[in-house]
Amino acid sequence: VVLFAVGLRYPKWEELHALASEPLE
């Protein structure tokens, strides 16, 4: 599964980076 993480409001980026597929950018 390809996993994208889209941050809302004031996101906690560390967690979203840990969730998403590579490359993170």
PDBML (XML) file of the C-alpha atoms, coordinates in Angstrom:
<?xml version="1.0" encoding="UTF-8" ?>
<PDBx:datablock datablockName="MODEL"
   xmlns:PDBx="http://pdbml.pdb.org/schema/pdbx-v50.xsd"
   xmlns:xsi="http://www.w3.org/2001/XMLSchema-instance"
   xsi:schemaLocation="http://pdbml.pdb.org/schema/pdbx-v50.xsd pdbx-v50.xsd">
   <PDBx:atom_siteCategory>
      <PDBx:atom_site id="1">
         <PDBx:B_iso_or_equiv>0.00</PDBx:B_iso_or_equiv>
         <PDBx:Cartn_x>0.000</PDBx:Cartn_x>
         <PDBx:Cartn_y>0.000</PDBx:Cartn_y>
         <PDBx:Cartn_z>0.000</PDBx:Cartn_z>
         <PDBx:auth_asym_id>A</PDBx:auth_asym_id>
         <PDBx:auth_atom_id>CA</PDBx:auth_atom_id>
         <PDBx:auth_comp_id>VAL</PDBx:auth_comp_id>
         <PDBx:auth_seq_id>1</PDBx:auth_seq_id>
         <PDBx:group_PDB>ATOM</PDBx:group_PDB>
         <PDBx:label_alt_id xsi:nil="true" />
         <PDBx:label_asym_id>A</PDBx:label_asym_id>
         <PDBx:label_atom_id>CA</PDBx:label_atom_id>
         <PDBx:label_comp_id>VAL</PDBx:label_comp_id>
         <PDBx:label_entity_id>1</PDBx:label_entity_id>
         <PDBx:label_seq_id>1</PDBx:label_seq_id>
         <PDBx:occupancy>1.00</PDBx:occupancy>
         <PDBx:pdbx_PDB_model_num>1</PDBx:pdbx_PDB_model_num>
         <PDBx:type_symbol>C</PDBx:type_symbol>
      </PDBx:atom_site>
      <PDBx:atom_site id="2">
         <PDBx:B_iso_or_equiv>0.00</PDBx:B_iso_or_equiv>
         <PDBx:Cartn_x>1.345</PDBx:Cartn_x>
         <PDBx:Cartn_y>3.459</PDBx:Cartn_y>
         <PDBx:Cartn_z>-0.921</PDBx:Cartn_z>
         <PDBx:auth_asym_id>A</PDBx:auth_asym_id>
         <PDBx:auth_atom_id>CA</PDBx:auth_atom_id>
         <PDBx:auth_comp_id>VAL</PDBx:auth_comp_id>
         <PDBx:auth_seq_id>2</PDBx:auth_seq_id>
         <PDBx:group_PDB>ATOM</PDBx:group_PDB>
         <PDBx:label_alt_id xsi:nil="true" />
         <PDBx:label_asym_id>A</PDBx:label_asym_id>
         <PDBx:label_atom_id>CA</PDBx:label_atom_id>
         <PDBx:label_comp_id>VAL</PDBx:label_comp_id>
         <PDBx:label_entity_id>1</PDBx:label_entity_id>
         <PDBx:label_seq_id>2</PDBx:label_seq_id>
         <PDBx:occupancy>1.00</PDBx:occupancy>
         <PDBx:pdbx_PDB_model_num>1</PDBx:pdbx_PDB_model_num>
         <PDBx:type_symbol>C</PDBx:type_symbol>
      </PDBx:atom_site>
      <PDBx:atom_site id="3">
         <PDBx:B_iso_or_equiv>0.00</PDBx:B_iso_or_equiv>
         <PDBx:Cartn_x>0.794</PDBx:Cartn_x>
         <PDBx:Cartn_y>5.709</PDBx:Cartn_y>
         <PDBx:Cartn_z>2.104</PDBx:Cartn_z>
         <PDBx:auth_asym_id>A</PDBx:auth_asym_id>
         <PDBx:auth_atom_id>CA</PDBx:auth_atom_id>
         <PDBx:auth_comp_id>LEU</PDBx:auth_comp_id>
         <PDBx:auth_seq_id>3</PDBx:auth_seq_id>
         <PDBx:group_PDB>ATOM</PDBx:group_PDB>
         <PDBx:label_alt_id xsi:nil="true" />
         <PDBx:label_asym_id>A</PDBx:label_asym_id>
         <PDBx:label_atom_id>CA</PDBx:label_atom_id>
         <PDBx:label_comp_id>LEU</PDBx:label_comp_id>
         <PDBx:label_entity_id>1</PDBx:label_entity_id>
         <PDBx:label_seq_id>3</PDBx:label_seq_id>
         <PDBx:occupancy>1.00</PDBx:occupancy>
         <PDBx:pdbx_PDB_model_num>1</PDBx:pdbx_PDB_model_num>
         <PDBx:type_symbol>C</PDBx:type_symbol>
      </PDBx:atom_site>
      <PDBx:atom_site id="4">
         <PDBx:B_iso_or_equiv>0.00</PDBx:B_iso_or_equiv>
         <PDBx:Cartn_x>0.504</PDBx:Cartn_x>
         <PDBx:Cartn_y>9.494</PDBx:Cartn_y>
         <PDBx:Cartn_z>1.871</PDBx:Cartn_z>
         <PDBx:auth_asym_id>A</PDBx:auth_asym_id>
         <PDBx:auth_atom_id>CA</PDBx:auth_atom_id>
         <PDBx:auth_comp_id>PHE</PDBx:auth_comp_id>
         <PDBx:auth_seq_id>4</PDBx:auth_seq_id>
         <PDBx:group_PDB>ATOM</PDBx:group_PDB>
         <PDBx:label_alt_id xsi:nil="true" />
         <PDBx:label_asym_id>A</PDBx:label_asym_id>
         <PDBx:label_atom_id>CA</PDBx:label_atom_id>
         <PDBx:label_comp_id>PHE</PDBx:label_comp_id>
         <PDBx:label_entity_id>1</PDBx:label_entity_id>
         <PDBx:label_seq_id>4</PDBx:label_seq_id>
         <PDBx:occupancy>1.00</PDBx:occupancy>
         <PDBx:pdbx_PDB_model_num>1</PDBx:pdbx_PDB_model_num>
         <PDBx:type_symbol>C</PDBx:type_symbol>
      </PDBx:atom_site>
      <PDBx:atom_site id="5">
         <PDBx:B_iso_or_equiv>0.00</PDBx:B_iso_or_equiv>
         <PDBx:Cartn_x>0.346</PDBx:Cartn_x>
         <PDBx:Cartn_y>11.667</PDBx:Cartn_y>
         <PDBx:Cartn_z>5.000</PDBx:Cartn_z>
         <PDBx:auth_asym_id>A</PDBx:auth_asym_id>
         <PDBx:auth_atom_id>CA</PDBx:auth_atom_id>
         <PDBx:auth_comp_id>ALA</PDBx:auth_comp_id>
         <PDBx:auth_seq_id>5</PDBx:auth_seq_id>
         <PDBx:group_PDB>ATOM</PDBx:group_PDB>
         <PDBx:label_alt_id xsi:nil="true" />
         <PDBx:label_asym_id>A</PDBx:label_asym_id>
         <PDBx:label_atom_id>CA</PDBx:label_atom_id>
         <PDBx:label_comp_id>ALA</PDBx:label_comp_id>
         <PDBx:label_entity_id>1</PDBx:label_entity_id>
         <PDBx:label_seq_id>5</PDBx:label_seq_id>
         <PDBx:occupancy>1.00</PDBx:occupancy>
         <PDBx:pdbx_PDB_model_num>1</PDBx:pdbx_PDB_model_num>
         <PDBx:type_symbol>C</PDBx:type_symbol>
      </PDBx:atom_site>
      <PDBx:atom_site id="6">
         <PDBx:B_iso_or_equiv>0.00</PDBx:B_iso_or_equiv>
         <PDBx:Cartn_x>-1.345</PDBx:Cartn_x>
         <PDBx:Cartn_y>15.066</PDBx:Cartn_y>
         <PDBx:Cartn_z>4.681</PDBx:Cartn_z>
         <PDBx:auth_asym_id>A</PDBx:auth_asym_id>
         <PDBx:auth_atom_id>CA</PDBx:auth_atom_id>
         <PDBx:auth_comp_id>VAL</PDBx:auth_comp_id>
         <PDBx:auth_seq_id>6</PDBx:auth_seq_id>
         <PDBx:group_PDB>ATOM</PDBx:group_PDB>
         <PDBx:label_alt_id xsi:nil="true" />
         <PDBx:label_asym_id>A</PDBx:label_asym_id>
         <PDBx:label_atom_id>CA</PDBx:label_atom_id>
         <PDBx:label_comp_id>VAL</PDBx:label_comp_id>
         <PDBx:label_entity_id>1</PDBx:label_entity_id>
         <PDBx:label_seq_id>6</PDBx:label_seq_id>
         <PDBx:occupancy>1.00</PDBx:occupancy>
         <PDBx:pdbx_PDB_model_num>1</PDBx:pdbx_PDB_model_num>
         <PDBx:type_symbol>C</PDBx:type_symbol>
      </PDBx:atom_site>
      <PDBx:atom_site id="7">
         <PDBx:B_iso_or_equiv>0.00</PDBx:B_iso_or_equiv>
         <PDBx:Cartn_x>-0.966</PDBx:Cartn_x>
         <PDBx:Cartn_y>17.382</PDBx:Cartn_y>
         <PDBx:Cartn_z>7.679</PDBx:Cartn_z>
         <PDBx:auth_asym_id>A</PDBx:auth_asym_id>
         <PDBx:auth_atom_id>CA</PDBx:auth_atom_id>
         <PDBx:auth_comp_id>GLY</PDBx:auth_comp_id>
         <PDBx:auth_seq_id>7</PDBx:auth_seq_id>
         <PDBx:group_PDB>ATOM</PDBx:group_PDB>
         <PDBx:label_alt_id xsi:nil="true" />
         <PDBx:label_asym_id>A</PDBx:label_asym_id>
         <PDBx:label_atom_id>CA</PDBx:label_atom_id>
         <PDBx:label_comp_id>GLY</PDBx:label_comp_id>
         <PDBx:label_entity_id>1</PDBx:label_entity_id>
         <PDBx:label_seq_id>7</PDBx:label_seq_id>
         <PDBx:occupancy>1.00</PDBx:occupancy>
         <PDBx:pdbx_PDB_model_num>1</PDBx:pdbx_PDB_model_num>
         <PDBx:type_symbol>C</PDBx:type_symbol>
      </PDBx:atom_site>
      <PDBx:atom_site id="8">
         <PDBx:B_iso_or_equiv>0.00</PDBx:B_iso_or_equiv>
         <PDBx:Cartn_x>-3.840</PDBx:Cartn_x>
         <PDBx:Cartn_y>19.521</PDBx:Cartn_y>
         <PDBx:Cartn_z>8.979</PDBx:Cartn_z>
         <PDBx:auth_asym_id>A</PDBx:auth_asym_id>
         <PDBx:auth_atom_id>CA</PDBx:auth_atom_id>
         <PDBx:auth_comp_id>LEU</PDBx:auth_comp_id>
         <PDBx:auth_seq_id>8</PDBx:auth_seq_id>
         <PDBx:group_PDB>ATOM</PDBx:group_PDB>
         <PDBx:label_alt_id xsi:nil="true" />
         <PDBx:label_asym_id>A</PDBx:label_asym_id>
         <PDBx:label_atom_id>CA</PDBx:label_atom_id>
         <PDBx:label_comp_id>LEU</PDBx:label_comp_id>
         <PDBx:label_entity_id>1</PDBx:label_entity_id>
         <PDBx:label_seq_id>8</PDBx:label_seq_id>
         <PDBx:occupancy>1.00</PDBx:occupancy>
         <PDBx:pdbx_PDB_model_num>1</PDBx:pdbx_PDB_model_num>
         <PDBx:type_symbol>C</PDBx:type_symbol>
      </PDBx:atom_site>
      <PDBx:atom_site id="9">
         <PDBx:B_iso_or_equiv>0.00</PDBx:B_iso_or_equiv>
         <PDBx:Cartn_x>-3.778</PDBx:Cartn_x>
         <PDBx:Cartn_y>22.719</PDBx:Cartn_y>
         <PDBx:Cartn_z>11.026</PDBx:Cartn_z>
         <PDBx:auth_asym_id>A</PDBx:auth_asym_id>
         <PDBx:auth_atom_id>CA</PDBx:auth_atom_id>
         <PDBx:auth_comp_id>ARG</PDBx:auth_comp_id>
         <PDBx:auth_seq_id>9</PDBx:auth_seq_id>
         <PDBx:group_PDB>ATOM</PDBx:group_PDB>
         <PDBx:label_alt_id xsi:nil="true" />
         <PDBx:label_asym_id>A</PDBx:label_asym_id>
         <PDBx:label_atom_id>CA</PDBx:label_atom_id>
         <PDBx:label_comp_id>ARG</PDBx:label_comp_id>
         <PDBx:label_entity_id>1</PDBx:label_entity_id>
         <PDBx:label_seq_id>9</PDBx:label_seq_id>
         <PDBx:occupancy>1.00</PDBx:occupancy>
         <PDBx:pdbx_PDB_model_num>1</PDBx:pdbx_PDB_model_num>
         <PDBx:type_symbol>C</PDBx:type_symbol>
      </PDBx:atom_site>
      <PDBx:atom_site id="10">
         <PDBx:B_iso_or_equiv>0.00</PDBx:B_iso_or_equiv>
         <PDBx:Cartn_x>-0.604</PDBx:Cartn_x>
         <PDBx:Cartn_y>22.536</PDBx:Cartn_y>
         <PDBx:Cartn_z>13.203</PDBx:Cartn_z>
         <PDBx:auth_asym_id>A</PDBx:auth_asym_id>
         <PDBx:auth_atom_id>CA</PDBx:auth_atom_id>
         <PDBx:auth_comp_id>TYR</PDBx:auth_comp_id>
         <PDBx:auth_seq_id>10</PDBx:auth_seq_id>
         <PDBx:group_PDB>ATOM</PDBx:group_PDB>
         <PDBx:label_alt_id xsi:nil="true" />
         <PDBx:label_asym_id>A</PDBx:label_asym_id>
         <PDBx:label_atom_id>CA</PDBx:label_atom_id>
         <PDBx:label_comp_id>TYR</PDBx:label_comp_id>
         <PDBx:label_entity_id>1</PDBx:label_entity_id>
         <PDBx:label_seq_id>10</PDBx:label_seq_id>
         <PDBx:occupancy>1.00</PDBx:occupancy>
         <PDBx:pdbx_PDB_model_num>1</PDBx:pdbx_PDB_model_num>
         <PDBx:type_symbol>C</PDBx:type_symbol>
      </PDBx:atom_site>
      <PDBx:atom_site id="11">
         <PDBx:B_iso_or_equiv>0.00</PDBx:B_iso_or_equiv>
         <PDBx:Cartn_x>0.651</PDBx:Cartn_x>
         <PDBx:Cartn_y>19.055</PDBx:Cartn_y>
         <PDBx:Cartn_z>12.377</PDBx:Cartn_z>
         <PDBx:auth_asym_id>A</PDBx:auth_asym_id>
         <PDBx:auth_atom_id>CA</PDBx:auth_atom_id>
         <PDBx:auth_comp_id>PRO</PDBx:auth_comp_id>
         <PDBx:auth_seq_id>11</PDBx:auth_seq_id>
         <PDBx:group_PDB>ATOM</PDBx:group_PDB>
         <PDBx:label_alt_id xsi:nil="true" />
         <PDBx:label_asym_id>A</PDBx:label_asym_id>
         <PDBx:label_atom_id>CA</PDBx:label_atom_id>
         <PDBx:label_comp_id>PRO</PDBx:label_comp_id>
         <PDBx:label_entity_id>1</PDBx:label_entity_id>
         <PDBx:label_seq_id>11</PDBx:label_seq_id>
         <PDBx:occupancy>1.00</PDBx:occupancy>
         <PDBx:pdbx_PDB_model_num>1</PDBx:pdbx_PDB_model_num>
         <PDBx:type_symbol>C</PDBx:type_symbol>
      </PDBx:atom_site>
      <PDBx:atom_site id="12">
         <PDBx:B_iso_or_equiv>0.00</PDBx:B_iso_or_equiv>
         <PDBx:Cartn_x>3.121</PDBx:Cartn_x>
         <PDBx:Cartn_y>16.921</PDBx:Cartn_y>
         <PDBx:Cartn_z>14.279</PDBx:Cartn_z>
         <PDBx:auth_asym_id>A</PDBx:auth_asym_id>
         <PDBx:auth_atom_id>CA</PDBx:auth_atom_id>
         <PDBx:auth_comp_id>LYS</PDBx:auth_comp_id>
         <PDBx:auth_seq_id>12</PDBx:auth_seq_id>
         <PDBx:group_PDB>ATOM</PDBx:group_PDB>
         <PDBx:label_alt_id xsi:nil="true" />
         <PDBx:label_asym_id>A</PDBx:label_asym_id>
         <PDBx:label_atom_id>CA</PDBx:label_atom_id>
         <PDBx:label_comp_id>LYS</PDBx:label_comp_id>
         <PDBx:label_entity_id>1</PDBx:label_entity_id>
         <PDBx:label_seq_id>12</PDBx:label_seq_id>
         <PDBx:occupancy>1.00</PDBx:occupancy>
         <PDBx:pdbx_PDB_model_num>1</PDBx:pdbx_PDB_model_num>
         <PDBx:type_symbol>C</PDBx:type_symbol>
      </PDBx:atom_site>
      <PDBx:atom_site id="13">
         <PDBx:B_iso_or_equiv>0.00</PDBx:B_iso_or_equiv>
         <PDBx:Cartn_x>5.454</PDBx:Cartn_x>
         <PDBx:Cartn_y>16.340</PDBx:Cartn_y>
         <PDBx:Cartn_z>11.342</PDBx:Cartn_z>
         <PDBx:auth_asym_id>A</PDBx:auth_asym_id>
         <PDBx:auth_atom_id>CA</PDBx:auth_atom_id>
         <PDBx:auth_comp_id>TRP</PDBx:auth_comp_id>
         <PDBx:auth_seq_id>13</PDBx:auth_seq_id>
         <PDBx:group_PDB>ATOM</PDBx:group_PDB>
         <PDBx:label_alt_id xsi:nil="true" />
         <PDBx:label_asym_id>A</PDBx:label_asym_id>
         <PDBx:label_atom_id>CA</PDBx:label_atom_id>
         <PDBx:label_comp_id>TRP</PDBx:label_comp_id>
         <PDBx:label_entity_id>1</PDBx:label_entity_id>
         <PDBx:label_seq_id>13</PDBx:label_seq_id>
         <PDBx:occupancy>1.00</PDBx:occupancy>
         <PDBx:pdbx_PDB_model_num>1</PDBx:pdbx_PDB_model_num>
         <PDBx:type_symbol>C</PDBx:type_symbol>
      </PDBx:atom_site>
      <PDBx:atom_site id="14">
         <PDBx:B_iso_or_equiv>0.00</PDBx:B_iso_or_equiv>
         <PDBx:Cartn_x>7.576</PDBx:Cartn_x>
         <PDBx:Cartn_y>13.663</PDBx:Cartn_y>
         <PDBx:Cartn_z>13.056</PDBx:Cartn_z>
         <PDBx:auth_asym_id>A</PDBx:auth_asym_id>
         <PDBx:auth_atom_id>CA</PDBx:auth_atom_id>
         <PDBx:auth_comp_id>GLU</PDBx:auth_comp_id>
         <PDBx:auth_seq_id>14</PDBx:auth_seq_id>
         <PDBx:group_PDB>ATOM</PDBx:group_PDB>
         <PDBx:label_alt_id xsi:nil="true" />
         <PDBx:label_asym_id>A</PDBx:label_asym_id>
         <PDBx:label_atom_id>CA</PDBx:label_atom_id>
         <PDBx:label_comp_id>GLU</PDBx:label_comp_id>
         <PDBx:label_entity_id>1</PDBx:label_entity_id>
         <PDBx:label_seq_id>14</PDBx:label_seq_id>
         <PDBx:occupancy>1.00</PDBx:occupancy>
         <PDBx:pdbx_PDB_model_num>1</PDBx:pdbx_PDB_model_num>
         <PDBx:type_symbol>C</PDBx:type_symbol>
      </PDBx:atom_site>
      <PDBx:atom_site id="15">
         <PDBx:B_iso_or_equiv>0.00</PDBx:B_iso_or_equiv>
         <PDBx:Cartn_x>4.590</PDBx:Cartn_x>
         <PDBx:Cartn_y>11.326</PDBx:Cartn_y>
         <PDBx:Cartn_z>13.227</PDBx:Cartn_z>
         <PDBx:auth_asym_id>A</PDBx:auth_asym_id>
         <PDBx:auth_atom_id>CA</PDBx:auth_atom_id>
         <PDBx:auth_comp_id>GLU</PDBx:auth_comp_id>
         <PDBx:auth_seq_id>15</PDBx:auth_seq_id>
         <PDBx:group_PDB>ATOM</PDBx:group_PDB>
         <PDBx:label_alt_id xsi:nil="true" />
         <PDBx:label_asym_id>A</PDBx:label_asym_id>
         <PDBx:label_atom_id>CA</PDBx:label_atom_id>
         <PDBx:label_comp_id>GLU</PDBx:label_comp_id>
         <PDBx:label_entity_id>1</PDBx:label_entity_id>
         <PDBx:label_seq_id>15</PDBx:label_seq_id>
         <PDBx:occupancy>1.00</PDBx:occupancy>
         <PDBx:pdbx_PDB_model_num>1</PDBx:pdbx_PDB_model_num>
         <PDBx:type_symbol>C</PDBx:type_symbol>
      </PDBx:atom_site>
      <PDBx:atom_site id="16">
         <PDBx:B_iso_or_equiv>0.00</PDBx:B_iso_or_equiv>
         <PDBx:Cartn_x>3.465</PDBx:Cartn_x>
         <PDBx:Cartn_y>12.026</PDBx:Cartn_y>
         <PDBx:Cartn_z>9.655</PDBx:Cartn_z>
         <PDBx:auth_asym_id>A</PDBx:auth_asym_id>
         <PDBx:auth_atom_id>CA</PDBx:auth_atom_id>
         <PDBx:auth_comp_id>LEU</PDBx:auth_comp_id>
         <PDBx:auth_seq_id>16</PDBx:auth_seq_id>
         <PDBx:group_PDB>ATOM</PDBx:group_PDB>
         <PDBx:label_alt_id xsi:nil="true" />
         <PDBx:label_asym_id>A</PDBx:label_asym_id>
         <PDBx:label_atom_id>CA</PDBx:label_atom_id>
         <PDBx:label_comp_id>LEU</PDBx:label_comp_id>
         <PDBx:label_entity_id>1</PDBx:label_entity_id>
         <PDBx:label_seq_id>16</PDBx:label_seq_id>
         <PDBx:occupancy>1.00</PDBx:occupancy>
         <PDBx:pdbx_PDB_model_num>1</PDBx:pdbx_PDB_model_num>
         <PDBx:type_symbol>C</PDBx:type_symbol>
      </PDBx:atom_site>
      <PDBx:atom_site id="17">
         <PDBx:B_iso_or_equiv>0.00</PDBx:B_iso_or_equiv>
         <PDBx:Cartn_x>7.015</PDBx:Cartn_x>
         <PDBx:Cartn_y>11.365</PDBx:Cartn_y>
         <PDBx:Cartn_z>8.399</PDBx:Cartn_z>
         <PDBx:auth_asym_id>A</PDBx:auth_asym_id>
         <PDBx:auth_atom_id>CA</PDBx:auth_atom_id>
         <PDBx:auth_comp_id>HIS</PDBx:auth_comp_id>
         <PDBx:auth_seq_id>17</PDBx:auth_seq_id>
         <PDBx:group_PDB>ATOM</PDBx:group_PDB>
         <PDBx:label_alt_id xsi:nil="true" />
         <PDBx:label_asym_id>A</PDBx:label_asym_id>
         <PDBx:label_atom_id>CA</PDBx:label_atom_id>
         <PDBx:label_comp_id>HIS</PDBx:label_comp_id>
         <PDBx:label_entity_id>1</PDBx:label_entity_id>
         <PDBx:label_seq_id>17</PDBx:label_seq_id>
         <PDBx:occupancy>1.00</PDBx:occupancy>
         <PDBx:pdbx_PDB_model_num>1</PDBx:pdbx_PDB_model_num>
         <PDBx:type_symbol>C</PDBx:type_symbol>
      </PDBx:atom_site>
      <PDBx:atom_site id="18">
         <PDBx:B_iso_or_equiv>0.00</PDBx:B_iso_or_equiv>
         <PDBx:Cartn_x>7.060</PDBx:Cartn_x>
         <PDBx:Cartn_y>8.044</PDBx:Cartn_y>
         <PDBx:Cartn_z>10.293</PDBx:Cartn_z>
         <PDBx:auth_asym_id>A</PDBx:auth_asym_id>
         <PDBx:auth_atom_id>CA</PDBx:auth_atom_id>
         <PDBx:auth_comp_id>ALA</PDBx:auth_comp_id>
         <PDBx:auth_seq_id>18</PDBx:auth_seq_id>
         <PDBx:group_PDB>ATOM</PDBx:group_PDB>
         <PDBx:label_alt_id xsi:nil="true" />
         <PDBx:label_asym_id>A</PDBx:label_asym_id>
         <PDBx:label_atom_id>CA</PDBx:label_atom_id>
         <PDBx:label_comp_id>ALA</PDBx:label_comp_id>
         <PDBx:label_entity_id>1</PDBx:label_entity_id>
         <PDBx:label_seq_id>18</PDBx:label_seq_id>
         <PDBx:occupancy>1.00</PDBx:occupancy>
         <PDBx:pdbx_PDB_model_num>1</PDBx:pdbx_PDB_model_num>
         <PDBx:type_symbol>C</PDBx:type_symbol>
      </PDBx:atom_site>
      <PDBx:atom_site id="19">
         <PDBx:B_iso_or_equiv>0.00</PDBx:B_iso_or_equiv>
         <PDBx:Cartn_x>3.786</PDBx:Cartn_x>
         <PDBx:Cartn_y>7.008</PDBx:Cartn_y>
         <PDBx:Cartn_z>8.604</PDBx:Cartn_z>
         <PDBx:auth_asym_id>A</PDBx:auth_asym_id>
         <PDBx:auth_atom_id>CA</PDBx:auth_atom_id>
         <PDBx:auth_comp_id>LEU</PDBx:auth_comp_id>
         <PDBx:auth_seq_id>19</PDBx:auth_seq_id>
         <PDBx:group_PDB>ATOM</PDBx:group_PDB>
         <PDBx:label_alt_id xsi:nil="true" />
         <PDBx:label_asym_id>A</PDBx:label_asym_id>
         <PDBx:label_atom_id>CA</PDBx:label_atom_id>
         <PDBx:label_comp_id>LEU</PDBx:label_comp_id>
         <PDBx:label_entity_id>1</PDBx:label_entity_id>
         <PDBx:label_seq_id>19</PDBx:label_seq_id>
         <PDBx:occupancy>1.00</PDBx:occupancy>
         <PDBx:pdbx_PDB_model_num>1</PDBx:pdbx_PDB_model_num>
         <PDBx:type_symbol>C</PDBx:type_symbol>
      </PDBx:atom_site>
      <PDBx:atom_site id="20">
         <PDBx:B_iso_or_equiv>0.00</PDBx:B_iso_or_equiv>
         <PDBx:Cartn_x>4.390</PDBx:Cartn_x>
         <PDBx:Cartn_y>7.993</PDBx:Cartn_y>
         <PDBx:Cartn_z>4.974</PDBx:Cartn_z>
         <PDBx:auth_asym_id>A</PDBx:auth_asym_id>
         <PDBx:auth_atom_id>CA</PDBx:auth_atom_id>
         <PDBx:auth_comp_id>ALA</PDBx:auth_comp_id>
         <PDBx:auth_seq_id>20</PDBx:auth_seq_id>
         <PDBx:group_PDB>ATOM</PDBx:group_PDB>
         <PDBx:label_alt_id xsi:nil="true" />
         <PDBx:label_asym_id>A</PDBx:label_asym_id>
         <PDBx:label_atom_id>CA</PDBx:label_atom_id>
         <PDBx:label_comp_id>ALA</PDBx:label_comp_id>
         <PDBx:label_entity_id>1</PDBx:label_entity_id>
         <PDBx:label_seq_id>20</PDBx:label_seq_id>
         <PDBx:occupancy>1.00</PDBx:occupancy>
         <PDBx:pdbx_PDB_model_num>1</PDBx:pdbx_PDB_model_num>
         <PDBx:type_symbol>C</PDBx:type_symbol>
      </PDBx:atom_site>
      <PDBx:atom_site id="21">
         <PDBx:B_iso_or_equiv>0.00</PDBx:B_iso_or_equiv>
         <PDBx:Cartn_x>5.994</PDBx:Cartn_x>
         <PDBx:Cartn_y>6.026</PDBx:Cartn_y>
         <PDBx:Cartn_z>2.160</PDBx:Cartn_z>
         <PDBx:auth_asym_id>A</PDBx:auth_asym_id>
         <PDBx:auth_atom_id>CA</PDBx:auth_atom_id>
         <PDBx:auth_comp_id>SER</PDBx:auth_comp_id>
         <PDBx:auth_seq_id>21</PDBx:auth_seq_id>
         <PDBx:group_PDB>ATOM</PDBx:group_PDB>
         <PDBx:label_alt_id xsi:nil="true" />
         <PDBx:label_asym_id>A</PDBx:label_asym_id>
         <PDBx:label_atom_id>CA</PDBx:label_atom_id>
         <PDBx:label_comp_id>SER</PDBx:label_comp_id>
         <PDBx:label_entity_id>1</PDBx:label_entity_id>
         <PDBx:label_seq_id>21</PDBx:label_seq_id>
         <PDBx:occupancy>1.00</PDBx:occupancy>
         <PDBx:pdbx_PDB_model_num>1</PDBx:pdbx_PDB_model_num>
         <PDBx:type_symbol>C</PDBx:type_symbol>
      </PDBx:atom_site>
      <PDBx:atom_site id="22">
         <PDBx:B_iso_or_equiv>0.00</PDBx:B_iso_or_equiv>
         <PDBx:Cartn_x>9.446</PDBx:Cartn_x>
         <PDBx:Cartn_y>6.949</PDBx:Cartn_y>
         <PDBx:Cartn_z>0.875</PDBx:Cartn_z>
         <PDBx:auth_asym_id>A</PDBx:auth_asym_id>
         <PDBx:auth_atom_id>CA</PDBx:auth_atom_id>
         <PDBx:auth_comp_id>GLU</PDBx:auth_comp_id>
         <PDBx:auth_seq_id>22</PDBx:auth_seq_id>
         <PDBx:group_PDB>ATOM</PDBx:group_PDB>
         <PDBx:label_alt_id xsi:nil="true" />
         <PDBx:label_asym_id>A</PDBx:label_asym_id>
         <PDBx:label_atom_id>CA</PDBx:label_atom_id>
         <PDBx:label_comp_id>GLU</PDBx:label_comp_id>
         <PDBx:label_entity_id>1</PDBx:label_entity_id>
         <PDBx:label_seq_id>22</PDBx:label_seq_id>
         <PDBx:occupancy>1.00</PDBx:occupancy>
         <PDBx:pdbx_PDB_model_num>1</PDBx:pdbx_PDB_model_num>
         <PDBx:type_symbol>C</PDBx:type_symbol>
      </PDBx:atom_site>
      <PDBx:atom_site id="23">
         <PDBx:B_iso_or_equiv>0.00</PDBx:B_iso_or_equiv>
         <PDBx:Cartn_x>10.625</PDBx:Cartn_x>
         <PDBx:Cartn_y>9.363</PDBx:Cartn_y>
         <PDBx:Cartn_z>-0.463</PDBx:Cartn_z>
         <PDBx:auth_asym_id>A</PDBx:auth_asym_id>
         <PDBx:auth_atom_id>CA</PDBx:auth_atom_id>
         <PDBx:auth_comp_id>PRO</PDBx:auth_comp_id>
         <PDBx:auth_seq_id>23</PDBx:auth_seq_id>
         <PDBx:group_PDB>ATOM</PDBx:group_PDB>
         <PDBx:label_alt_id xsi:nil="true" />
         <PDBx:label_asym_id>A</PDBx:label_asym_id>
         <PDBx:label_atom_id>CA</PDBx:label_atom_id>
         <PDBx:label_comp_id>PRO</PDBx:label_comp_id>
         <PDBx:label_entity_id>1</PDBx:label_entity_id>
         <PDBx:label_seq_id>23</PDBx:label_seq_id>
         <PDBx:occupancy>1.00</PDBx:occupancy>
         <PDBx:pdbx_PDB_model_num>1</PDBx:pdbx_PDB_model_num>
         <PDBx:type_symbol>C</PDBx:type_symbol>
      </PDBx:atom_site>
      <PDBx:atom_site id="24">
         <PDBx:B_iso_or_equiv>0.00</PDBx:B_iso_or_equiv>
         <PDBx:Cartn_x>9.035</PDBx:Cartn_x>
         <PDBx:Cartn_y>11.590</PDBx:Cartn_y>
         <PDBx:Cartn_z>2.198</PDBx:Cartn_z>
         <PDBx:auth_asym_id>A</PDBx:auth_asym_id>
         <PDBx:auth_atom_id>CA</PDBx:auth_atom_id>
         <PDBx:auth_comp_id>LEU</PDBx:auth_comp_id>
         <PDBx:auth_seq_id>24</PDBx:auth_seq_id>
         <PDBx:group_PDB>ATOM</PDBx:group_PDB>
         <PDBx:label_alt_id xsi:nil="true" />
         <PDBx:label_asym_id>A</PDBx:label_asym_id>
         <PDBx:label_atom_id>CA</PDBx:label_atom_id>
         <PDBx:label_comp_id>LEU</PDBx:label_comp_id>
         <PDBx:label_entity_id>1</PDBx:label_entity_id>
         <PDBx:label_seq_id>24</PDBx:label_seq_id>
         <PDBx:occupancy>1.00</PDBx:occupancy>
         <PDBx:pdbx_PDB_model_num>1</PDBx:pdbx_PDB_model_num>
         <PDBx:type_symbol>C</PDBx:type_symbol>
      </PDBx:atom_site>
      <PDBx:atom_site id="25">
         <PDBx:B_iso_or_equiv>0.00</PDBx:B_iso_or_equiv>
         <PDBx:Cartn_x>9.167</PDBx:Cartn_x>
         <PDBx:Cartn_y>14.785</PDBx:Cartn_y>
         <PDBx:Cartn_z>0.102</PDBx:Cartn_z>
         <PDBx:auth_asym_id>A</PDBx:auth_asym_id>
         <PDBx:auth_atom_id>CA</PDBx:auth_atom_id>
         <PDBx:auth_comp_id>GLU</PDBx:auth_comp_id>
         <PDBx:auth_seq_id>25</PDBx:auth_seq_id>
         <PDBx:group_PDB>ATOM</PDBx:group_PDB>
         <PDBx:label_alt_id xsi:nil="true" />
         <PDBx:label_asym_id>A</PDBx:label_asym_id>
         <PDBx:label_atom_id>CA</PDBx:label_atom_id>
         <PDBx:label_comp_id>GLU</PDBx:label_comp_id>
         <PDBx:label_entity_id>1</PDBx:label_entity_id>
         <PDBx:label_seq_id>25</PDBx:label_seq_id>
         <PDBx:occupancy>1.00</PDBx:occupancy>
         <PDBx:pdbx_PDB_model_num>1</PDBx:pdbx_PDB_model_num>
         <PDBx:type_symbol>C</PDBx:type_symbol>
      </PDBx:atom_site>
   </PDBx:atom_siteCategory>
</PDBx:datablock>
